[in-house]
Amino acid sequence: MKAIVIRSPGGPDQLTLQERPIPQVTANEVLIKVHAAGVNRPDIFQRQGKYPAPEGIVQDIPGLEVAGTVEDCGRTVTRWKPGDRVCALLPGGGYAEYAVADESHCLPIPVNVSFFEAACLPETVLTVWHNVFQRGRLISGQSFLVHGGSGGIGTTAIQLASLAGAKVYATAGTDNKCRFCEKLGAVSCINYHDRDFATELEAGTIDVLLDSIGTPYFDRNIDLLAEEGRIVFINAIGGRQAVLNIGKLMQKRLTLTGSTLRNRDSAFKAELCRAVEYHVWPWLSQGHFRPVISRIFALTQASQAHTLMESGNFIGKLVLET
């Protein structure tokens, strides 16, 4: 099979097309003929040598989510059969014509959803559901702020939080991105290059805040939180060290939490897939929720996709077609 391989840690030019053996399934795995693979920021970190795959996983083929058809099944697989349309969460190996996935980490693709759309779902939706709704405990009527609202995580978080009945706010880097976020369901989106989100929003009014920036936003995030407010960190691209005013935490009874998905065990991911299928898939099947695709690249253009992702000059998700 053809696969995109990281030759050595570095820039997008380190991605190259190679021939690799088709992976073999174990008892509880399915082999997926990949039609499309989602491109995610952790793929960039892996290419740079900052986010290695878990032990026992192919180390030099990135890709955390794919969509395609089941080609083969391990001997204990019960839910899937060859020909089924599935999307799947992977620990790596998605930038290839074939990939293996735990059967419990696969989700059915609704008939109204394309392979390209489905390839945008597993990593992104599972991340949003766990962090916003499980860790952040967002419920109807509460206020929610997501930083980076125009990216894959942001566009998904805006839609799902809106569908859940929350009052949604966002930040983004251009006026065009802000208008797009508002069309998706944000009450207001603030261009962080022109305005300070901390002064645009009223202090003490945000119930749940999803942050991927870290240090530069930390104090302002704390001030925006309402009593019993929750910050959930999913990255810290602006810095990982911050000074916490413990008095504010105690006075407002705040919760600071965060998570990563790739290193969680198989049972956790399986349970999260079940929760997403139960809660989110009806919205997907009914057309209320749709992943936002910015651009589809050929598999051979993976380096171009990484270059665009690093530039930030896009809205939604980037996808590879295999």
C-alpha atoms as a PDB file:
ATOM      1  CA  MET A   1       0.000   0.000   0.000  1.00  0.00           C
ATOM      2  CA  LYS A   2       0.974   3.641  -0.370  1.00  0.00           C
ATOM      3  CA  ALA A   3       1.584   5.566   2.846  1.00  0.00           C
ATOM      4  CA  ILE A   4       2.878   8.964   3.881  1.00  0.00           C
ATOM      5  CA  VAL A   5       5.955   8.502   6.046  1.00  0.00           C
ATOM      6  CA  ILE A   6       7.881  10.917   8.275  1.00  0.00           C
ATOM      7  CA  ARG A   7      11.508  10.538   7.169  1.00  0.00           C
ATOM      8  CA  SER A   8      12.883  12.348  10.218  1.00  0.00           C
ATOM      9  CA  PRO A   9      11.602  15.041  12.597  1.00  0.00           C
ATOM     10  CA  GLY A  10      11.271  18.391  10.875  1.00  0.00           C
ATOM     11  CA  GLY A  11       9.178  20.437   8.493  1.00  0.00           C
ATOM     12  CA  PRO A  12       6.473  19.438   6.009  1.00  0.00           C
ATOM     13  CA  ASP A  13       9.171  18.443   3.501  1.00  0.00           C
ATOM     14  CA  GLN A  14       9.923  15.444   5.734  1.00  0.00           C
ATOM     15  CA  LEU A  15       6.665  13.802   4.621  1.00  0.00           C
ATOM     16  CA  THR A  16       7.237  11.394   1.755  1.00  0.00           C
ATOM     17  CA  LEU A  17       5.224   8.736  -0.092  1.00  0.00           C
ATOM     18  CA  GLN A  18       6.444   5.162   0.358  1.00  0.00           C
ATOM     19  CA  GLU A  19       5.251   1.610  -0.236  1.00  0.00           C
ATOM     20  CA  ARG A  20       4.513  -0.273   2.983  1.00  0.00           C
ATOM     21  CA  PRO A  21       2.996  -3.697   3.743  1.00  0.00           C
ATOM     22  CA  ILE A  22      -0.741  -3.699   4.372  1.00  0.00           C
ATOM     23  CA  PRO A  23      -1.139  -4.034   8.156  1.00  0.00           C
ATOM     24  CA  GLN A  24      -2.505  -7.283   9.566  1.00  0.00           C
ATOM     25  CA  VAL A  25      -5.471  -7.366  11.921  1.00  0.00           C
ATOM     26  CA  THR A  26      -5.405  -8.881  15.383  1.00  0.00           C
ATOM     27  CA  ALA A  27      -8.433 -10.622  16.874  1.00  0.00           C
ATOM     28  CA  ASN A  28     -10.369  -7.474  17.832  1.00  0.00           C
ATOM     29  CA  GLU A  29      -9.358  -5.249  14.912  1.00  0.00           C
ATOM     30  CA  VAL A  30     -10.752  -4.369  11.510  1.00  0.00           C
ATOM     31  CA  LEU A  31      -8.760  -3.540   8.401  1.00  0.00           C
ATOM     32  CA  ILE A  32     -10.106  -0.394   6.750  1.00  0.00           C
ATOM     33  CA  LYS A  33      -9.608   0.500   3.107  1.00  0.00           C
ATOM     34  CA  VAL A  34      -9.099   4.203   3.671  1.00  0.00           C
ATOM     35  CA  HIS A  35     -10.961   6.633   1.430  1.00  0.00           C
ATOM     36  CA  ALA A  36     -10.097   9.765   3.402  1.00  0.00           C
ATOM     37  CA  ALA A  37      -8.000  10.750   6.420  1.00  0.00           C
ATOM     38  CA  GLY A  38      -8.393  13.789   8.653  1.00  0.00           C
ATOM     39  CA  VAL A  39      -5.432  16.105   9.218  1.00  0.00           C
ATOM     40  CA  ASN A  40      -5.035  17.289  12.815  1.00  0.00           C
ATOM     41  CA  ARG A  41      -2.605  19.470  14.737  1.00  0.00           C
ATOM     42  CA  PRO A  42      -1.203  16.466  16.666  1.00  0.00           C
ATOM     43  CA  ASP A  43      -0.027  15.179  13.263  1.00  0.00           C
ATOM     44  CA  ILE A  44       2.081  18.335  12.988  1.00  0.00           C
ATOM     45  CA  PHE A  45       3.556  17.736  16.444  1.00  0.00           C
ATOM     46  CA  GLN A  46       4.317  14.112  15.564  1.00  0.00           C
ATOM     47  CA  ARG A  47       6.074  15.183  12.361  1.00  0.00           C
ATOM     48  CA  GLN A  48       8.147  17.644  14.403  1.00  0.00           C
ATOM     49  CA  GLY A  49       9.157  14.877  16.818  1.00  0.00           C
ATOM     50  CA  LYS A  50       7.171  16.342  19.726  1.00  0.00           C
ATOM     51  CA  TYR A  51       4.283  13.849  19.922  1.00  0.00           C
ATOM     52  CA  PRO A  52       5.389  10.246  19.322  1.00  0.00           C
ATOM     53  CA  ALA A  53       2.890   7.476  18.771  1.00  0.00           C
ATOM     54  CA  PRO A  54       2.258   5.098  21.696  1.00  0.00           C
ATOM     55  CA  GLU A  55       4.595   2.147  22.086  1.00  0.00           C
ATOM     56  CA  GLY A  56       3.734  -0.669  19.706  1.00  0.00           C
ATOM     57  CA  ILE A  57       2.158   1.667  17.122  1.00  0.00           C
ATOM     58  CA  VAL A  58       3.791   2.468  13.788  1.00  0.00           C
ATOM     59  CA  GLN A  59       5.911   5.516  14.580  1.00  0.00           C
ATOM     60  CA  ASP A  60       6.473   7.119  11.196  1.00  0.00           C
ATOM     61  CA  ILE A  61       2.988   7.166   9.606  1.00  0.00           C
ATOM     62  CA  PRO A  62       0.811   9.935  11.081  1.00  0.00           C
ATOM     63  CA  GLY A  63      -2.980  10.058  11.048  1.00  0.00           C
ATOM     64  CA  LEU A  64      -5.462   9.782  13.918  1.00  0.00           C
ATOM     65  CA  GLU A  65      -8.780   9.469  12.069  1.00  0.00           C
ATOM     66  CA  VAL A  66      -9.924   7.838   8.855  1.00  0.00           C
ATOM     67  CA  ALA A  67     -13.053   6.940   6.935  1.00  0.00           C
ATOM     68  CA  GLY A  68     -13.498   4.061   4.532  1.00  0.00           C
ATOM     69  CA  THR A  69     -14.855   0.546   4.116  1.00  0.00           C
ATOM     70  CA  VAL A  70     -14.123  -2.534   6.181  1.00  0.00           C
ATOM     71  CA  GLU A  71     -11.849  -4.854   4.219  1.00  0.00           C
ATOM     72  CA  ASP A  72     -11.193  -7.599   6.778  1.00  0.00           C
ATOM     73  CA  CYS A  73     -12.158  -8.471  10.356  1.00  0.00           C
ATOM     74  CA  GLY A  74     -10.333 -10.169  13.207  1.00  0.00           C
ATOM     75  CA  ARG A  75     -11.761 -13.436  14.525  1.00  0.00           C
ATOM     76  CA  THR A  76     -13.522 -11.879  17.559  1.00  0.00           C
ATOM     77  CA  VAL A  77     -15.036  -8.893  15.712  1.00  0.00           C
ATOM     78  CA  THR A  78     -18.835  -9.035  15.945  1.00  0.00           C
ATOM     79  CA  ARG A  79     -20.234  -5.654  14.928  1.00  0.00           C
ATOM     80  CA  TRP A  80     -18.599  -5.087  11.536  1.00  0.00           C
ATOM     81  CA  LYS A  81     -18.345  -7.014   8.288  1.00  0.00           C
ATOM     82  CA  PRO A  82     -16.489  -6.408   5.022  1.00  0.00           C
ATOM     83  CA  GLY A  83     -18.062  -3.603   3.036  1.00  0.00           C
ATOM     84  CA  ASP A  84     -19.366  -1.629   6.026  1.00  0.00           C
ATOM     85  CA  ARG A  85     -18.786   2.127   5.860  1.00  0.00           C
ATOM     86  CA  VAL A  86     -16.985   3.255   9.004  1.00  0.00           C
ATOM     87  CA  CYS A  87     -14.919   6.057  10.414  1.00  0.00           C
ATOM     88  CA  ALA A  88     -12.383   5.261  13.089  1.00  0.00           C
ATOM     89  CA  LEU A  89     -10.169   6.743  15.782  1.00  0.00           C
ATOM     90  CA  LEU A  90      -6.571   5.579  15.417  1.00  0.00           C
ATOM     91  CA  PRO A  91      -3.432   5.895  17.543  1.00  0.00           C
ATOM     92  CA  GLY A  92      -1.546   6.500  14.269  1.00  0.00           C
ATOM     93  CA  GLY A  93      -1.126   5.167  10.748  1.00  0.00           C
ATOM     94  CA  GLY A  94      -4.030   6.956   9.079  1.00  0.00           C
ATOM     95  CA  TYR A  95      -2.121   8.576   6.184  1.00  0.00           C
ATOM     96  CA  ALA A  96      -2.232   5.371   4.151  1.00  0.00           C
ATOM     97  CA  GLU A  97      -4.387   3.346   1.799  1.00  0.00           C
ATOM     98  CA  TYR A  98      -5.144   0.841   4.576  1.00  0.00           C
ATOM     99  CA  ALA A  99      -5.287   1.144   8.350  1.00  0.00           C
ATOM    100  CA  VAL A 100      -6.253  -1.076  11.265  1.00  0.00           C
ATOM    101  CA  ALA A 101      -8.526  -0.002  14.096  1.00  0.00           C
ATOM    102  CA  ASP A 102      -9.969  -1.548  17.226  1.00  0.00           C
ATOM    103  CA  GLU A 103     -13.529  -2.552  16.349  1.00  0.00           C
ATOM    104  CA  SER A 104     -14.855  -0.584  19.338  1.00  0.00           C
ATOM    105  CA  HIS A 105     -13.150   2.592  18.083  1.00  0.00           C
ATOM    106  CA  CYS A 106     -15.125   2.530  14.828  1.00  0.00           C
ATOM    107  CA  LEU A 107     -18.382   4.349  14.170  1.00  0.00           C
ATOM    108  CA  PRO A 108     -20.908   3.826  11.365  1.00  0.00           C
ATOM    109  CA  ILE A 109     -21.055   6.477   8.655  1.00  0.00           C
ATOM    110  CA  PRO A 110     -24.643   7.716   8.179  1.00  0.00           C
ATOM    111  CA  VAL A 111     -25.962   7.455   4.629  1.00  0.00           C
ATOM    112  CA  ASN A 112     -26.090  11.249   4.280  1.00  0.00           C
ATOM    113  CA  VAL A 113     -22.418  11.709   5.241  1.00  0.00           C
ATOM    114  CA  SER A 114     -19.559  11.451   2.737  1.00  0.00           C
ATOM    115  CA  PHE A 115     -16.243   9.738   3.381  1.00  0.00           C
ATOM    116  CA  PHE A 116     -14.577  13.163   3.379  1.00  0.00           C
ATOM    117  CA  GLU A 117     -16.952  14.457   6.055  1.00  0.00           C
ATOM    118  CA  ALA A 118     -16.669  11.249   8.078  1.00  0.00           C
ATOM    119  CA  ALA A 119     -12.869  11.492   8.094  1.00  0.00           C
ATOM    120  CA  CYS A 120     -13.219  14.774  10.002  1.00  0.00           C
ATOM    121  CA  LEU A 121     -15.215  13.257  12.837  1.00  0.00           C
ATOM    122  CA  PRO A 122     -13.526  10.739  15.174  1.00  0.00           C
ATOM    123  CA  GLU A 123     -10.577  12.665  16.637  1.00  0.00           C
ATOM    124  CA  THR A 124     -12.411  15.980  16.612  1.00  0.00           C
ATOM    125  CA  VAL A 125     -15.847  14.987  17.887  1.00  0.00           C
ATOM    126  CA  LEU A 126     -14.473  12.675  20.566  1.00  0.00           C
ATOM    127  CA  THR A 127     -12.159  15.448  21.768  1.00  0.00           C
ATOM    128  CA  VAL A 128     -14.992  17.978  21.934  1.00  0.00           C
ATOM    129  CA  TRP A 129     -17.487  15.629  23.570  1.00  0.00           C
ATOM    130  CA  HIS A 130     -15.101  14.495  26.275  1.00  0.00           C
ATOM    131  CA  ASN A 131     -13.682  17.921  27.096  1.00  0.00           C
ATOM    132  CA  VAL A 132     -16.713  20.189  26.708  1.00  0.00           C
ATOM    133  CA  PHE A 133     -19.517  17.909  27.859  1.00  0.00           C
ATOM    134  CA  GLN A 134     -17.904  15.300  30.095  1.00  0.00           C
ATOM    135  CA  ARG A 135     -15.023  17.184  31.719  1.00  0.00           C
ATOM    136  CA  GLY A 136     -16.564  20.659  31.284  1.00  0.00           C
ATOM    137  CA  ARG A 137     -20.092  19.469  32.159  1.00  0.00           C
ATOM    138  CA  LEU A 138     -21.698  21.984  29.784  1.00  0.00           C
ATOM    139  CA  ILE A 139     -25.511  21.896  29.870  1.00  0.00           C
ATOM    140  CA  SER A 140     -28.337  23.807  28.258  1.00  0.00           C
ATOM    141  CA  GLY A 141     -28.607  27.437  29.313  1.00  0.00           C
ATOM    142  CA  GLN A 142     -24.960  27.824  30.293  1.00  0.00           C
ATOM    143  CA  SER A 143     -22.425  30.068  28.563  1.00  0.00           C
ATOM    144  CA  PHE A 144     -19.491  28.595  26.654  1.00  0.00           C
ATOM    145  CA  LEU A 145     -16.360  30.184  25.186  1.00  0.00           C
ATOM    146  CA  VAL A 146     -14.046  28.429  22.742  1.00  0.00           C
ATOM    147  CA  HIS A 147     -10.746  29.950  21.677  1.00  0.00           C
ATOM    148  CA  GLY A 148      -9.804  29.303  18.056  1.00  0.00           C
ATOM    149  CA  GLY A 149     -13.408  28.924  16.986  1.00  0.00           C
ATOM    150  CA  SER A 150     -12.668  28.626  13.269  1.00  0.00           C
ATOM    151  CA  GLY A 151     -10.512  25.481  13.452  1.00  0.00           C
ATOM    152  CA  GLY A 152     -11.620  21.869  13.363  1.00  0.00           C
ATOM    153  CA  ILE A 153     -12.133  21.658  17.118  1.00  0.00           C
ATOM    154  CA  GLY A 154     -13.667  25.126  17.276  1.00  0.00           C
ATOM    155  CA  THR A 155     -16.215  24.672  14.489  1.00  0.00           C
ATOM    156  CA  THR A 156     -17.247  21.353  16.009  1.00  0.00           C
ATOM    157  CA  ALA A 157     -17.476  22.785  19.535  1.00  0.00           C
ATOM    158  CA  ILE A 158     -19.598  25.738  18.380  1.00  0.00           C
ATOM    159  CA  GLN A 159     -22.088  23.484  16.618  1.00  0.00           C
ATOM    160  CA  LEU A 160     -22.404  20.878  19.357  1.00  0.00           C
ATOM    161  CA  ALA A 161     -22.611  23.415  22.180  1.00  0.00           C
ATOM    162  CA  SER A 162     -25.289  25.341  20.271  1.00  0.00           C
ATOM    163  CA  LEU A 163     -27.273  22.167  19.633  1.00  0.00           C
ATOM    164  CA  ALA A 164     -27.037  21.375  23.350  1.00  0.00           C
ATOM    165  CA  GLY A 165     -28.672  24.711  24.172  1.00  0.00           C
ATOM    166  CA  ALA A 166     -25.635  26.660  25.383  1.00  0.00           C
ATOM    167  CA  LYS A 167     -24.946  30.332  24.708  1.00  0.00           C
ATOM    168  CA  VAL A 168     -21.765  30.178  22.645  1.00  0.00           C
ATOM    169  CA  TYR A 169     -18.933  32.697  22.295  1.00  0.00           C
ATOM    170  CA  ALA A 170     -15.701  32.289  20.330  1.00  0.00           C
ATOM    171  CA  THR A 171     -12.442  33.953  19.372  1.00  0.00           C
ATOM    172  CA  ALA A 172     -10.780  33.818  15.946  1.00  0.00           C
ATOM    173  CA  GLY A 173      -8.019  35.610  14.049  1.00  0.00           C
ATOM    174  CA  THR A 174      -9.855  37.427  11.233  1.00  0.00           C
ATOM    175  CA  ASP A 175     -13.186  39.146  10.736  1.00  0.00           C
ATOM    176  CA  ASN A 176     -14.088  36.585   8.077  1.00  0.00           C
ATOM    177  CA  LYS A 177     -13.429  33.727  10.491  1.00  0.00           C
ATOM    178  CA  CYS A 178     -15.484  35.495  13.144  1.00  0.00           C
ATOM    179  CA  ARG A 179     -18.455  35.899  10.827  1.00  0.00           C
ATOM    180  CA  PHE A 180     -18.221  32.207   9.942  1.00  0.00           C
ATOM    181  CA  CYS A 181     -18.257  31.231  13.616  1.00  0.00           C
ATOM    182  CA  GLU A 182     -21.356  33.360  14.143  1.00  0.00           C
ATOM    183  CA  LYS A 183     -23.090  31.672  11.207  1.00  0.00           C
ATOM    184  CA  LEU A 184     -22.320  28.317  12.834  1.00  0.00           C
ATOM    185  CA  GLY A 185     -24.076  29.352  16.040  1.00  0.00           C
ATOM    186  CA  ALA A 186     -21.808  31.614  18.098  1.00  0.00           C
ATOM    187  CA  VAL A 187     -23.652  34.560  19.643  1.00  0.00           C
ATOM    188  CA  SER A 188     -20.480  36.593  19.201  1.00  0.00           C
ATOM    189  CA  CYS A 189     -16.988  35.897  17.901  1.00  0.00           C
ATOM    190  CA  ILE A 190     -14.136  38.256  18.766  1.00  0.00           C
ATOM    191  CA  ASN A 191     -11.191  38.949  16.449  1.00  0.00           C
ATOM    192  CA  TYR A 192      -8.328  38.594  18.914  1.00  0.00           C
ATOM    193  CA  HIS A 193      -5.996  40.620  16.683  1.00  0.00           C
ATOM    194  CA  ASP A 194      -8.221  43.699  16.930  1.00  0.00           C
ATOM    195  CA  ARG A 195     -10.018  43.360  20.254  1.00  0.00           C
ATOM    196  CA  ASP A 196      -9.385  41.974  23.717  1.00  0.00           C
ATOM    197  CA  PHE A 197     -11.860  39.179  24.387  1.00  0.00           C
ATOM    198  CA  ALA A 198     -11.540  39.824  28.129  1.00  0.00           C
ATOM    199  CA  THR A 199     -12.971  43.335  27.771  1.00  0.00           C
ATOM    200  CA  GLU A 200     -15.501  42.420  25.079  1.00  0.00           C
ATOM    201  CA  LEU A 201     -17.058  39.771  27.307  1.00  0.00           C
ATOM    202  CA  GLU A 202     -18.373  40.452  30.785  1.00  0.00           C
ATOM    203  CA  ALA A 203     -16.204  39.193  33.626  1.00  0.00           C
ATOM    204  CA  GLY A 204     -17.674  36.372  35.664  1.00  0.00           C
ATOM    205  CA  THR A 205     -20.142  35.197  33.012  1.00  0.00           C
ATOM    206  CA  ILE A 206     -18.596  32.149  31.303  1.00  0.00           C
ATOM    207  CA  ASP A 207     -19.522  28.737  32.671  1.00  0.00           C
ATOM    208  CA  VAL A 208     -17.257  26.567  30.492  1.00  0.00           C
ATOM    209  CA  LEU A 209     -14.161  27.629  28.568  1.00  0.00           C
ATOM    210  CA  LEU A 210     -12.260  25.445  26.086  1.00  0.00           C
ATOM    211  CA  ASP A 211      -8.679  26.643  25.721  1.00  0.00           C
ATOM    212  CA  SER A 212      -5.793  25.555  23.513  1.00  0.00           C
ATOM    213  CA  ILE A 213      -3.606  28.656  24.008  1.00  0.00           C
ATOM    214  CA  GLY A 214      -2.389  28.377  27.586  1.00  0.00           C
ATOM    215  CA  THR A 215      -0.198  31.003  29.248  1.00  0.00           C
ATOM    216  CA  PRO A 216      -1.108  34.222  27.348  1.00  0.00           C
ATOM    217  CA  TYR A 217      -4.833  33.781  28.032  1.00  0.00           C
ATOM    218  CA  PHE A 218      -4.677  32.280  31.501  1.00  0.00           C
ATOM    219  CA  ASP A 219      -5.404  35.282  33.739  1.00  0.00           C
ATOM    220  CA  ARG A 220      -8.096  36.636  31.430  1.00  0.00           C
ATOM    221  CA  ASN A 221      -9.737  33.229  31.250  1.00  0.00           C
ATOM    222  CA  ILE A 222      -9.857  33.024  35.033  1.00  0.00           C
ATOM    223  CA  ASP A 223     -11.474  36.468  35.248  1.00  0.00           C
ATOM    224  CA  LEU A 224     -14.141  35.539  32.702  1.00  0.00           C
ATOM    225  CA  LEU A 225     -15.264  32.426  34.552  1.00  0.00           C
ATOM    226  CA  ALA A 226     -18.509  32.547  36.506  1.00  0.00           C
ATOM    227  CA  GLU A 227     -18.854  30.971  39.928  1.00  0.00           C
ATOM    228  CA  GLU A 228     -18.401  27.196  39.617  1.00  0.00           C
ATOM    229  CA  GLY A 229     -16.837  27.867  36.182  1.00  0.00           C
ATOM    230  CA  ARG A 230     -14.666  25.322  34.399  1.00  0.00           C
ATOM    231  CA  ILE A 231     -11.631  25.738  32.130  1.00  0.00           C
ATOM    232  CA  VAL A 232     -10.691  22.719  30.043  1.00  0.00           C
ATOM    233  CA  PHE A 233      -7.262  22.736  28.400  1.00  0.00           C
ATOM    234  CA  ILE A 234      -6.683  20.675  25.263  1.00  0.00           C
ATOM    235  CA  ASN A 235      -3.392  22.285  24.250  1.00  0.00           C
ATOM    236  CA  ALA A 236      -1.046  25.076  25.294  1.00  0.00           C
ATOM    237  CA  ILE A 237       0.451  26.363  22.056  1.00  0.00           C
ATOM    238  CA  GLY A 238       1.200  29.748  23.626  1.00  0.00           C
ATOM    239  CA  GLY A 239       2.970  28.363  26.687  1.00  0.00           C
ATOM    240  CA  ARG A 240       2.486  25.840  29.493  1.00  0.00           C
ATOM    241  CA  GLN A 241       3.513  27.806  32.577  1.00  0.00           C
ATOM    242  CA  ALA A 242       1.127  30.189  34.388  1.00  0.00           C
ATOM    243  CA  VAL A 243       0.752  31.719  37.846  1.00  0.00           C
ATOM    244  CA  LEU A 244      -2.589  30.969  39.491  1.00  0.00           C
ATOM    245  CA  ASN A 245      -4.259  33.307  41.953  1.00  0.00           C
ATOM    246  CA  ILE A 246      -5.515  30.609  44.295  1.00  0.00           C
ATOM    247  CA  GLY A 247      -7.769  33.122  46.024  1.00  0.00           C
ATOM    248  CA  LYS A 248      -9.831  33.563  42.847  1.00  0.00           C
ATOM    249  CA  LEU A 249     -10.049  29.810  42.437  1.00  0.00           C
ATOM    250  CA  MET A 250     -11.387  29.412  45.958  1.00  0.00           C
ATOM    251  CA  GLN A 251     -13.725  32.406  45.883  1.00  0.00           C
ATOM    252  CA  LYS A 252     -15.407  31.332  42.646  1.00  0.00           C
ATOM    253  CA  ARG A 253     -15.008  27.578  43.295  1.00  0.00           C
ATOM    254  CA  LEU A 254     -13.412  27.065  39.900  1.00  0.00           C
ATOM    255  CA  THR A 255     -12.396  23.828  38.207  1.00  0.00           C
ATOM    256  CA  LEU A 256      -9.261  23.702  36.034  1.00  0.00           C
ATOM    257  CA  THR A 257      -8.849  20.501  34.064  1.00  0.00           C
ATOM    258  CA  GLY A 258      -7.629  19.184  30.730  1.00  0.00           C
ATOM    259  CA  SER A 259      -6.879  16.057  28.775  1.00  0.00           C
ATOM    260  CA  THR A 260      -5.234  14.395  25.820  1.00  0.00           C
ATOM    261  CA  LEU A 261      -6.842  11.560  23.886  1.00  0.00           C
ATOM    262  CA  ARG A 262      -4.137   9.604  22.115  1.00  0.00           C
ATOM    263  CA  ASN A 263      -2.570   8.084  25.236  1.00  0.00           C
ATOM    264  CA  ARG A 264      -5.839   6.960  26.849  1.00  0.00           C
ATOM    265  CA  ASP A 265      -6.480   3.238  27.066  1.00  0.00           C
ATOM    266  CA  SER A 266      -8.628   1.269  24.670  1.00  0.00           C
ATOM    267  CA  ALA A 267     -11.536   0.824  27.080  1.00  0.00           C
ATOM    268  CA  PHE A 268     -11.811   4.577  27.640  1.00  0.00           C
ATOM    269  CA  LYS A 269     -11.853   5.256  23.904  1.00  0.00           C
ATOM    270  CA  ALA A 270     -14.464   2.555  23.354  1.00  0.00           C
ATOM    271  CA  GLU A 271     -16.745   4.059  25.993  1.00  0.00           C
ATOM    272  CA  LEU A 272     -16.240   7.524  24.527  1.00  0.00           C
ATOM    273  CA  CYS A 273     -17.163   6.223  21.062  1.00  0.00           C
ATOM    274  CA  ARG A 274     -20.372   4.766  22.494  1.00  0.00           C
ATOM    275  CA  ALA A 275     -21.233   8.086  24.137  1.00  0.00           C
ATOM    276  CA  VAL A 276     -20.613  10.022  20.924  1.00  0.00           C
ATOM    277  CA  GLU A 277     -22.677   7.580  18.871  1.00  0.00           C
ATOM    278  CA  TYR A 278     -25.552   7.924  21.329  1.00  0.00           C
ATOM    279  CA  HIS A 279     -25.455  11.697  21.804  1.00  0.00           C
ATOM    280  CA  VAL A 280     -23.955  13.187  18.629  1.00  0.00           C
ATOM    281  CA  TRP A 281     -24.723  10.734  15.816  1.00  0.00           C
ATOM    282  CA  PRO A 282     -28.466  11.548  15.815  1.00  0.00           C
ATOM    283  CA  TRP A 283     -27.600  15.210  15.148  1.00  0.00           C
ATOM    284  CA  LEU A 284     -25.273  14.061  12.370  1.00  0.00           C
ATOM    285  CA  SER A 285     -27.825  11.701  10.806  1.00  0.00           C
ATOM    286  CA  GLN A 286     -30.529  14.361  10.922  1.00  0.00           C
ATOM    287  CA  GLY A 287     -28.293  16.958   9.274  1.00  0.00           C
ATOM    288  CA  HIS A 288     -28.211  19.300  12.284  1.00  0.00           C
ATOM    289  CA  PHE A 289     -24.439  18.932  12.629  1.00  0.00           C
ATOM    290  CA  ARG A 290     -21.910  18.885   9.812  1.00  0.00           C
ATOM    291  CA  PRO A 291     -18.110  18.974   9.894  1.00  0.00           C
ATOM    292  CA  VAL A 292     -16.686  21.988   8.094  1.00  0.00           C
ATOM    293  CA  ILE A 293     -14.195  21.046   5.369  1.00  0.00           C
ATOM    294  CA  SER A 294     -11.820  23.721   4.165  1.00  0.00           C
ATOM    295  CA  ARG A 295      -9.886  21.741   1.560  1.00  0.00           C
ATOM    296  CA  ILE A 296      -9.310  18.199   0.343  1.00  0.00           C
ATOM    297  CA  PHE A 297      -5.774  17.213  -0.684  1.00  0.00           C
ATOM    298  CA  ALA A 298      -4.525  14.117  -2.473  1.00  0.00           C
ATOM    299  CA  LEU A 299      -2.517  11.783  -0.238  1.00  0.00           C
ATOM    300  CA  THR A 300       0.601  12.806  -2.174  1.00  0.00           C
ATOM    301  CA  GLN A 301      -0.050  16.423  -1.115  1.00  0.00           C
ATOM    302  CA  ALA A 302       0.226  15.725   2.615  1.00  0.00           C
ATOM    303  CA  SER A 303       3.128  18.151   2.958  1.00  0.00           C
ATOM    304  CA  GLN A 304       0.990  20.913   1.426  1.00  0.00           C
ATOM    305  CA  ALA A 305      -1.804  20.110   3.869  1.00  0.00           C
ATOM    306  CA  HIS A 306       0.632  20.401   6.785  1.00  0.00           C
ATOM    307  CA  THR A 307       1.962  23.702   5.452  1.00  0.00           C
ATOM    308  CA  LEU A 308      -1.564  25.101   5.249  1.00  0.00           C
ATOM    309  CA  MET A 309      -2.433  23.847   8.729  1.00  0.00           C
ATOM    310  CA  GLU A 310       0.645  25.518  10.197  1.00  0.00           C
ATOM    311  CA  SER A 311      -0.268  28.786   8.457  1.00  0.00           C
ATOM    312  CA  GLY A 312      -3.720  28.877  10.058  1.00  0.00           C
ATOM    313  CA  ASN A 313      -5.182  30.342   6.860  1.00  0.00           C
ATOM    314  CA  PHE A 314      -8.222  28.081   6.662  1.00  0.00           C
ATOM    315  CA  ILE A 315     -11.544  27.429   8.355  1.00  0.00           C
ATOM    316  CA  GLY A 316     -12.590  23.998   9.607  1.00  0.00           C
ATOM    317  CA  LYS A 317     -10.810  20.776   8.691  1.00  0.00           C
ATOM    318  CA  LEU A 318      -8.239  19.610   6.155  1.00  0.00           C
ATOM    319  CA  VAL A 319      -8.643  16.158   4.605  1.00  0.00           C
ATOM    320  CA  LEU A 320      -6.467  13.764   2.608  1.00  0.00           C
ATOM    321  CA  GLU A 321      -8.004  11.659  -0.159  1.00  0.00           C
ATOM    322  CA  THR A 322      -6.335   8.278  -0.595  1.00  0.00           C
END
